[in-house]
Amino acid sequence: MEENMYLHVSGELLRQIEERMPPEEELQDLAEFFKVFGDETRLKILSVLLCSEMCVYDIAAVLQMSQSAISHQLRVLKQLDLVKYRREGKTCFYSLADSHIVTILSQGLDHIEE
């Protein structure tokens, strides 16, 4: 990129930006990751799982939604590694995948409550 194309950006600053910019593939993955948080139903499920590990039946009961709707959204959350599950007999119990998800939800809520 030519330095004279910019009004206030020095060559050094441009070099620093280019070094810190994540690769295109990572930015695409990050965009997909954040899209998940754009759905109210998924946020409700994550909020429930923030409180406790639960099975699909109980999540559906708490949110007053169908089990199939909850299962569909859990599949999306699982594909992006936001939730994990463990099997006990025929029942799967879902929980948040890790502490990063707790942090993202907590910081998001903190931000909008300011």
N, C-alpha and C. Protein backbone atom coordinates (compact mmCIF):
# COMPACT_ATOMS: atom_id res chain seq x y z
N MET A 1 0.84 -1.19 0.00
CA MET A 1 0.00 0.00 0.00
C MET A 1 0.88 1.24 0.00
N GLU A 2 0.46 2.23 -0.75
CA GLU A 2 1.26 3.45 -0.83
C GLU A 2 0.96 4.35 0.36
N GLU A 3 2.03 4.91 0.90
CA GLU A 3 1.90 5.76 2.08
C GLU A 3 1.14 7.05 1.77
N ASN A 4 1.30 7.57 0.57
CA ASN A 4 0.67 8.86 0.24
C ASN A 4 -0.84 8.76 0.02
N MET A 5 -1.42 7.56 0.12
CA MET A 5 -2.87 7.39 -0.02
C MET A 5 -3.59 7.80 1.26
N TYR A 6 -2.87 8.02 2.33
CA TYR A 6 -3.48 8.28 3.63
C TYR A 6 -3.19 9.70 4.08
N LEU A 7 -4.14 10.30 4.77
CA LEU A 7 -3.93 11.65 5.27
C LEU A 7 -3.10 11.67 6.54
N HIS A 8 -3.40 10.73 7.47
CA HIS A 8 -2.77 10.79 8.79
C HIS A 8 -2.15 9.48 9.24
N VAL A 9 -2.01 8.52 8.36
CA VAL A 9 -1.46 7.23 8.72
C VAL A 9 -0.02 7.14 8.24
N SER A 10 0.89 6.92 9.19
CA SER A 10 2.30 6.80 8.83
C SER A 10 2.59 5.38 8.34
N GLY A 11 3.70 5.23 7.67
CA GLY A 11 4.12 3.90 7.22
C GLY A 11 4.31 2.95 8.39
N GLU A 12 4.83 3.46 9.50
CA GLU A 12 5.04 2.63 10.69
C GLU A 12 3.71 2.15 11.27
N LEU A 13 2.74 3.04 11.37
CA LEU A 13 1.43 2.65 11.89
C LEU A 13 0.78 1.63 10.95
N LEU A 14 0.89 1.84 9.69
CA LEU A 14 0.33 0.90 8.72
C LEU A 14 0.97 -0.48 8.87
N ARG A 15 2.28 -0.51 9.07
CA ARG A 15 2.99 -1.78 9.26
C ARG A 15 2.49 -2.49 10.52
N GLN A 16 2.29 -1.74 11.62
CA GLN A 16 1.80 -2.31 12.87
C GLN A 16 0.39 -2.89 12.70
N ILE A 17 -0.43 -2.16 11.98
CA ILE A 17 -1.81 -2.63 11.73
C ILE A 17 -1.77 -3.93 10.94
N GLU A 18 -0.99 -3.96 9.89
CA GLU A 18 -0.90 -5.16 9.05
C GLU A 18 -0.37 -6.36 9.83
N GLU A 19 0.56 -6.13 10.76
CA GLU A 19 1.10 -7.21 11.59
C GLU A 19 0.06 -7.76 12.56
N ARG A 20 -0.79 -6.89 13.07
CA ARG A 20 -1.77 -7.29 14.09
C ARG A 20 -3.09 -7.80 13.51
N MET A 21 -3.34 -7.50 12.25
CA MET A 21 -4.61 -7.91 11.64
C MET A 21 -4.65 -9.43 11.53
N PRO A 22 -5.69 -10.06 12.11
CA PRO A 22 -5.79 -11.52 11.99
C PRO A 22 -5.97 -11.94 10.53
N PRO A 23 -5.55 -13.15 10.20
CA PRO A 23 -5.75 -13.65 8.83
C PRO A 23 -7.24 -13.68 8.47
N GLU A 24 -7.52 -13.58 7.19
CA GLU A 24 -8.90 -13.54 6.69
C GLU A 24 -9.74 -14.71 7.21
N GLU A 25 -9.17 -15.90 7.21
CA GLU A 25 -9.90 -17.09 7.66
C GLU A 25 -10.31 -16.97 9.13
N GLU A 26 -9.41 -16.45 9.96
CA GLU A 26 -9.73 -16.25 11.38
C GLU A 26 -10.83 -15.21 11.56
N LEU A 27 -10.81 -14.16 10.75
CA LEU A 27 -11.86 -13.14 10.84
C LEU A 27 -13.21 -13.72 10.43
N GLN A 28 -13.22 -14.58 9.42
CA GLN A 28 -14.46 -15.24 9.01
C GLN A 28 -14.99 -16.13 10.13
N ASP A 29 -14.09 -16.90 10.75
CA ASP A 29 -14.49 -17.77 11.87
C ASP A 29 -15.02 -16.94 13.04
N LEU A 30 -14.38 -15.82 13.31
CA LEU A 30 -14.81 -14.95 14.40
C LEU A 30 -16.19 -14.36 14.11
N ALA A 31 -16.42 -13.98 12.86
CA ALA A 31 -17.73 -13.45 12.47
C ALA A 31 -18.81 -14.51 12.67
N GLU A 32 -18.53 -15.76 12.29
CA GLU A 32 -19.49 -16.85 12.50
C GLU A 32 -19.74 -17.07 13.99
N PHE A 33 -18.68 -17.00 14.78
CA PHE A 33 -18.78 -17.17 16.23
C PHE A 33 -19.73 -16.13 16.81
N PHE A 34 -19.56 -14.87 16.43
CA PHE A 34 -20.39 -13.81 17.00
C PHE A 34 -21.81 -13.82 16.44
N LYS A 35 -22.02 -14.37 15.26
CA LYS A 35 -23.38 -14.49 14.72
C LYS A 35 -24.26 -15.33 15.65
N VAL A 36 -23.66 -16.31 16.29
CA VAL A 36 -24.42 -17.18 17.21
C VAL A 36 -25.06 -16.36 18.31
N PHE A 37 -24.39 -15.33 18.76
CA PHE A 37 -24.90 -14.49 19.84
C PHE A 37 -25.97 -13.51 19.36
N GLY A 38 -26.25 -13.51 18.06
CA GLY A 38 -27.26 -12.64 17.50
C GLY A 38 -28.67 -13.23 17.52
N ASP A 39 -28.82 -14.40 18.11
CA ASP A 39 -30.12 -15.06 18.15
C ASP A 39 -30.60 -15.12 19.59
N GLU A 40 -31.79 -14.57 19.84
CA GLU A 40 -32.32 -14.48 21.21
C GLU A 40 -32.53 -15.86 21.85
N THR A 41 -32.99 -16.83 21.06
CA THR A 41 -33.21 -18.17 21.61
C THR A 41 -31.91 -18.79 22.07
N ARG A 42 -30.88 -18.65 21.26
CA ARG A 42 -29.57 -19.21 21.67
C ARG A 42 -29.05 -18.50 22.91
N LEU A 43 -29.25 -17.19 23.00
CA LEU A 43 -28.83 -16.46 24.20
C LEU A 43 -29.61 -16.92 25.43
N LYS A 44 -30.89 -17.22 25.26
CA LYS A 44 -31.67 -17.74 26.38
C LYS A 44 -31.13 -19.09 26.83
N ILE A 45 -30.82 -19.95 25.88
CA ILE A 45 -30.26 -21.27 26.22
C ILE A 45 -28.94 -21.11 26.94
N LEU A 46 -28.08 -20.24 26.43
CA LEU A 46 -26.78 -20.02 27.09
C LEU A 46 -26.97 -19.46 28.49
N SER A 47 -27.95 -18.58 28.65
CA SER A 47 -28.23 -18.01 29.98
C SER A 47 -28.70 -19.07 30.96
N VAL A 48 -29.54 -19.99 30.48
CA VAL A 48 -29.99 -21.10 31.33
C VAL A 48 -28.79 -21.95 31.73
N LEU A 49 -27.92 -22.26 30.75
CA LEU A 49 -26.76 -23.11 31.03
C LEU A 49 -25.71 -22.39 31.87
N LEU A 50 -25.79 -21.08 31.91
CA LEU A 50 -24.91 -20.31 32.79
C LEU A 50 -25.24 -20.63 34.25
N CYS A 51 -26.51 -20.97 34.50
CA CYS A 51 -26.97 -21.29 35.86
C CYS A 51 -26.75 -22.75 36.23
N SER A 52 -26.97 -23.64 35.25
CA SER A 52 -26.91 -25.06 35.58
C SER A 52 -26.82 -25.92 34.32
N GLU A 53 -26.21 -27.06 34.48
CA GLU A 53 -26.23 -28.09 33.44
C GLU A 53 -27.66 -28.60 33.35
N MET A 54 -28.17 -28.84 32.13
CA MET A 54 -29.55 -29.31 31.98
C MET A 54 -29.70 -30.18 30.75
N CYS A 55 -30.76 -30.98 30.77
CA CYS A 55 -31.12 -31.79 29.61
C CYS A 55 -32.07 -30.98 28.72
N VAL A 56 -32.25 -31.42 27.50
CA VAL A 56 -33.12 -30.73 26.54
C VAL A 56 -34.52 -30.53 27.11
N TYR A 57 -35.07 -31.57 27.71
CA TYR A 57 -36.43 -31.52 28.26
C TYR A 57 -36.56 -30.37 29.26
N ASP A 58 -35.60 -30.27 30.18
CA ASP A 58 -35.67 -29.22 31.20
C ASP A 58 -35.44 -27.83 30.63
N ILE A 59 -34.52 -27.71 29.67
CA ILE A 59 -34.30 -26.40 29.03
C ILE A 59 -35.59 -25.96 28.34
N ALA A 60 -36.22 -26.90 27.62
CA ALA A 60 -37.48 -26.59 26.93
C ALA A 60 -38.55 -26.16 27.92
N ALA A 61 -38.62 -26.83 29.06
CA ALA A 61 -39.61 -26.48 30.08
C ALA A 61 -39.35 -25.09 30.65
N VAL A 62 -38.10 -24.82 30.98
CA VAL A 62 -37.74 -23.51 31.55
C VAL A 62 -38.06 -22.39 30.57
N LEU A 63 -37.74 -22.59 29.30
CA LEU A 63 -37.95 -21.54 28.30
C LEU A 63 -39.33 -21.59 27.64
N GLN A 64 -40.13 -22.58 28.03
CA GLN A 64 -41.46 -22.76 27.46
C GLN A 64 -41.41 -22.82 25.94
N MET A 65 -40.55 -23.70 25.47
CA MET A 65 -40.36 -23.91 24.03
C MET A 65 -40.41 -25.40 23.75
N SER A 66 -40.49 -25.75 22.48
CA SER A 66 -40.52 -27.17 22.12
C SER A 66 -39.13 -27.78 22.24
N GLN A 67 -39.11 -29.07 22.52
CA GLN A 67 -37.83 -29.78 22.61
C GLN A 67 -37.10 -29.75 21.27
N SER A 68 -37.84 -29.83 20.18
CA SER A 68 -37.19 -29.83 18.86
C SER A 68 -36.51 -28.49 18.58
N ALA A 69 -37.15 -27.39 19.00
CA ALA A 69 -36.54 -26.06 18.81
C ALA A 69 -35.26 -25.95 19.65
N ILE A 70 -35.30 -26.45 20.87
CA ILE A 70 -34.12 -26.41 21.74
C ILE A 70 -33.02 -27.30 21.17
N SER A 71 -33.38 -28.49 20.73
CA SER A 71 -32.39 -29.42 20.15
C SER A 71 -31.71 -28.81 18.94
N HIS A 72 -32.50 -28.15 18.10
CA HIS A 72 -31.93 -27.51 16.91
C HIS A 72 -30.90 -26.45 17.30
N GLN A 73 -31.25 -25.60 18.25
CA GLN A 73 -30.32 -24.54 18.67
C GLN A 73 -29.11 -25.11 19.41
N LEU A 74 -29.30 -26.15 20.19
CA LEU A 74 -28.16 -26.79 20.86
C LEU A 74 -27.18 -27.37 19.85
N ARG A 75 -27.70 -27.90 18.74
CA ARG A 75 -26.85 -28.44 17.69
C ARG A 75 -25.94 -27.33 17.12
N VAL A 76 -26.53 -26.14 16.89
CA VAL A 76 -25.75 -25.00 16.40
C VAL A 76 -24.69 -24.60 17.43
N LEU A 77 -25.10 -24.52 18.69
CA LEU A 77 -24.16 -24.13 19.75
C LEU A 77 -23.04 -25.16 19.92
N LYS A 78 -23.39 -26.42 19.75
CA LYS A 78 -22.39 -27.49 19.88
C LYS A 78 -21.40 -27.46 18.72
N GLN A 79 -21.88 -27.17 17.51
CA GLN A 79 -21.00 -27.11 16.34
C GLN A 79 -19.94 -26.04 16.49
N LEU A 80 -20.27 -24.96 17.18
CA LEU A 80 -19.31 -23.88 17.39
C LEU A 80 -18.59 -23.98 18.73
N ASP A 81 -18.71 -25.14 19.37
CA ASP A 81 -18.02 -25.41 20.64
C ASP A 81 -18.39 -24.44 21.76
N LEU A 82 -19.65 -24.00 21.77
CA LEU A 82 -20.11 -23.14 22.85
C LEU A 82 -20.73 -23.95 23.98
N VAL A 83 -21.24 -25.11 23.65
CA VAL A 83 -21.77 -26.01 24.66
C VAL A 83 -21.16 -27.40 24.48
N LYS A 84 -21.17 -28.14 25.56
CA LYS A 84 -20.72 -29.53 25.54
C LYS A 84 -21.80 -30.37 26.20
N TYR A 85 -21.70 -31.66 26.06
CA TYR A 85 -22.70 -32.51 26.71
C TYR A 85 -22.04 -33.76 27.26
N ARG A 86 -22.75 -34.35 28.20
CA ARG A 86 -22.35 -35.65 28.73
C ARG A 86 -23.60 -36.51 28.74
N ARG A 87 -23.41 -37.78 28.50
CA ARG A 87 -24.53 -38.71 28.43
C ARG A 87 -24.64 -39.47 29.74
N GLU A 88 -25.86 -39.55 30.23
CA GLU A 88 -26.16 -40.34 31.43
C GLU A 88 -27.34 -41.24 31.05
N GLY A 89 -27.05 -42.50 30.74
CA GLY A 89 -28.09 -43.38 30.21
C GLY A 89 -28.50 -42.89 28.84
N LYS A 90 -29.79 -42.64 28.66
CA LYS A 90 -30.29 -42.14 27.38
C LYS A 90 -30.38 -40.61 27.35
N THR A 91 -30.07 -39.97 28.46
CA THR A 91 -30.23 -38.52 28.57
C THR A 91 -28.90 -37.80 28.40
N CYS A 92 -28.91 -36.73 27.60
CA CYS A 92 -27.74 -35.87 27.44
C CYS A 92 -27.93 -34.61 28.29
N PHE A 93 -26.91 -34.29 29.05
CA PHE A 93 -26.92 -33.07 29.86
C PHE A 93 -25.97 -32.07 29.23
N TYR A 94 -26.47 -30.88 28.98
CA TYR A 94 -25.70 -29.83 28.31
C TYR A 94 -25.18 -28.82 29.33
N SER A 95 -24.00 -28.28 29.02
CA SER A 95 -23.40 -27.23 29.84
C SER A 95 -22.57 -26.33 28.93
N LEU A 96 -22.17 -25.18 29.45
CA LEU A 96 -21.31 -24.29 28.68
C LEU A 96 -19.97 -24.97 28.46
N ALA A 97 -19.38 -24.75 27.30
CA ALA A 97 -18.16 -25.45 26.92
C ALA A 97 -16.97 -25.09 27.80
N ASP A 98 -16.86 -23.82 28.17
CA ASP A 98 -15.71 -23.42 29.00
C ASP A 98 -15.94 -22.03 29.60
N SER A 99 -14.97 -21.58 30.35
CA SER A 99 -15.12 -20.30 31.05
C SER A 99 -15.11 -19.11 30.10
N HIS A 100 -14.59 -19.28 28.88
CA HIS A 100 -14.62 -18.18 27.92
C HIS A 100 -16.05 -17.76 27.60
N ILE A 101 -16.94 -18.73 27.50
CA ILE A 101 -18.33 -18.44 27.18
C ILE A 101 -18.98 -17.65 28.32
N VAL A 102 -18.67 -18.04 29.54
CA VAL A 102 -19.16 -17.31 30.72
C VAL A 102 -18.68 -15.87 30.65
N THR A 103 -17.41 -15.68 30.33
CA THR A 103 -16.82 -14.34 30.26
C THR A 103 -17.49 -13.50 29.17
N ILE A 104 -17.68 -14.09 27.99
CA ILE A 104 -18.30 -13.36 26.88
C ILE A 104 -19.71 -12.92 27.25
N LEU A 105 -20.50 -13.83 27.82
CA LEU A 105 -21.86 -13.48 28.22
C LEU A 105 -21.86 -12.41 29.31
N SER A 106 -21.02 -12.58 30.31
CA SER A 106 -20.96 -11.63 31.43
C SER A 106 -20.51 -10.25 30.95
N GLN A 107 -19.49 -10.20 30.12
CA GLN A 107 -19.01 -8.91 29.64
C GLN A 107 -20.01 -8.24 28.71
N GLY A 108 -20.72 -9.05 27.92
CA GLY A 108 -21.76 -8.49 27.05
C GLY A 108 -22.86 -7.85 27.88
N LEU A 109 -23.30 -8.56 28.91
CA LEU A 109 -24.34 -8.00 29.80
C LEU A 109 -23.85 -6.76 30.53
N ASP A 110 -22.60 -6.81 31.02
CA ASP A 110 -22.03 -5.63 31.68
C ASP A 110 -22.04 -4.44 30.73
N HIS A 111 -21.69 -4.67 29.49
CA HIS A 111 -21.61 -3.59 28.51
C HIS A 111 -22.97 -2.93 28.28
N ILE A 112 -24.02 -3.75 28.09
CA ILE A 112 -25.32 -3.16 27.79
C ILE A 112 -26.00 -2.56 29.02
N GLU A 113 -25.56 -2.97 30.23
CA GLU A 113 -26.13 -2.43 31.46
C GLU A 113 -25.48 -1.12 31.88
N GLU A 114 -24.39 -0.73 31.23
CA GLU A 114 -23.69 0.52 31.59
C GLU A 114 -24.52 1.73 31.24
